[in-house]
């Protein structure tokens, strides 16, 4: 098994969810969301989580998937919004079922 299929199988056997889901993410996210410098105001999880734990792997201080239950945003997550903004946005972009929603603060009027 050379190439992509072997790498994906190897990732699956080694428990690397990021590599395993990479082909799905690439296909599902052809359009890159606009980058913003506005701070994160809130993070939420919509219905449909498949408990893949990818978000928890990326930002464990923000996301929790306990006992293969649906993902939740940790109660203390707000304290990490500034420091982990890029990781949180990455988790939302990489979510294979696109249920992580990140709301940014509104731009200040000039």
Protein backbone atom coordinates (compact mmCIF):
# COMPACT_ATOMS: atom_id res chain seq x y z
CA UNK A 1 0.00 0.00 0.00
CA UNK A 2 1.96 2.96 -1.21
CA UNK A 3 0.86 6.58 -1.17
CA UNK A 4 -2.29 8.04 0.30
CA UNK A 5 -4.20 4.86 1.18
CA UNK A 6 -1.25 3.43 3.09
CA UNK A 7 -0.72 6.68 4.96
CA UNK A 8 -4.39 6.85 5.91
CA UNK A 9 -4.40 3.21 7.06
CA UNK A 10 -1.20 3.78 9.03
CA UNK A 11 -2.73 6.86 10.63
CA UNK A 12 -5.84 4.89 11.56
CA UNK A 13 -3.79 2.14 13.13
CA UNK A 14 -1.72 4.66 15.05
CA UNK A 15 -4.74 6.64 16.24
CA UNK A 16 -3.89 9.85 14.35
CA UNK A 17 -7.35 11.33 13.75
CA UNK A 18 -5.98 14.45 12.05
CA UNK A 19 -4.31 12.44 9.27
CA UNK A 20 -7.24 10.07 9.02
CA UNK A 21 -9.76 12.88 8.48
CA UNK A 22 -7.52 15.05 6.28
CA UNK A 23 -8.93 13.83 2.93
CA UNK A 24 -12.49 14.41 4.14
CA UNK A 25 -11.65 17.88 5.43
CA UNK A 26 -9.94 18.88 2.20
CA UNK A 27 -12.97 17.91 0.15
CA UNK A 28 -15.47 19.47 2.53
CA UNK A 29 -13.63 22.78 2.84
CA UNK A 30 -12.87 23.96 -0.68
CA UNK A 31 -13.63 27.55 0.33
CA UNK A 32 -11.34 29.01 2.98
CA UNK A 33 -13.24 31.26 5.39
CA UNK A 34 -12.12 34.86 5.61
CA UNK A 35 -9.48 35.47 8.24
CA UNK A 36 -10.47 38.00 10.86
CA UNK A 37 -8.57 39.77 13.59
CA UNK A 38 -11.75 40.26 15.59
CA UNK A 39 -11.72 38.42 18.92
CA UNK A 40 -13.85 35.36 19.50
CA UNK A 41 -17.04 36.17 21.35
CA UNK A 42 -18.50 32.67 21.64
CA UNK A 43 -18.00 29.06 20.58
CA UNK A 44 -20.85 26.56 20.31
CA UNK A 45 -21.51 23.04 19.06
CA UNK A 46 -24.62 22.38 16.97
CA UNK A 47 -26.46 19.06 16.83
CA UNK A 48 -24.80 16.37 14.74
CA UNK A 49 -21.44 15.89 16.46
CA UNK A 50 -19.93 12.48 15.62
CA UNK A 51 -17.55 12.47 18.62
CA UNK A 52 -14.42 12.14 16.50
CA UNK A 53 -12.42 14.12 19.11
CA UNK A 54 -10.55 16.10 16.47
CA UNK A 55 -11.50 19.42 18.08
CA UNK A 56 -10.35 18.13 21.47
CA UNK A 57 -7.02 17.09 19.92
CA UNK A 58 -6.56 20.60 18.51
CA UNK A 59 -7.77 22.66 21.50
CA UNK A 60 -8.25 20.50 24.62
CA UNK A 61 -8.62 23.57 26.86
CA UNK A 62 -11.76 24.53 24.88
CA UNK A 63 -13.41 21.28 23.72
CA UNK A 64 -14.26 18.10 25.63
CA UNK A 65 -15.58 14.78 24.32
CA UNK A 66 -16.10 12.62 27.38
CA UNK A 67 -16.83 8.91 27.04
CA UNK A 68 -17.58 9.24 23.30
CA UNK A 69 -20.48 11.59 24.05
CA UNK A 70 -21.13 14.67 21.94
CA UNK A 71 -18.52 17.39 22.15
CA UNK A 72 -19.09 20.24 24.58
CA UNK A 73 -17.40 23.59 24.98
CA UNK A 74 -15.75 23.60 28.38
CA UNK A 75 -17.27 26.08 30.87
CA UNK A 76 -13.90 27.82 31.32
CA UNK A 77 -13.23 27.99 27.56
CA UNK A 78 -13.82 31.74 27.37
CA UNK A 79 -10.56 32.28 29.28
CA UNK A 80 -8.68 30.74 26.33
CA UNK A 81 -10.41 32.55 23.43
CA UNK A 82 -7.62 35.11 22.92
CA UNK A 83 -4.62 32.82 23.37
CA UNK A 84 -6.07 29.89 21.41
CA UNK A 85 -7.97 31.80 18.72
CA UNK A 86 -6.09 30.15 15.83
CA UNK A 87 -6.56 26.66 17.29
CA UNK A 88 -10.27 27.22 17.88
CA UNK A 89 -10.76 28.49 14.33
CA UNK A 90 -8.74 25.53 13.02
CA UNK A 91 -10.96 23.10 14.94
CA UNK A 92 -14.05 24.72 13.44
CA UNK A 93 -12.61 24.55 9.90
CA UNK A 94 -11.47 20.94 10.33
CA UNK A 95 -14.68 19.61 11.92
CA UNK A 96 -15.79 16.85 9.51
CA UNK A 97 -19.49 17.55 10.14
CA UNK A 98 -19.11 21.35 10.47
CA UNK A 99 -20.95 21.67 13.80
CA UNK A 100 -18.48 23.97 15.59
CA UNK A 101 -19.64 27.57 15.34
CA UNK A 102 -17.35 30.47 16.22
CA UNK A 103 -18.84 33.91 16.66
CA UNK A 104 -16.50 36.89 16.52
CA UNK A 105 -17.04 40.25 18.16
CA UNK A 106 -18.52 42.84 15.85
CA UNK A 107 -16.13 45.28 14.24
CA UNK A 108 -16.05 48.66 15.93
CA UNK A 109 -17.50 51.52 13.91
CA UNK A 110 -14.87 54.00 12.76
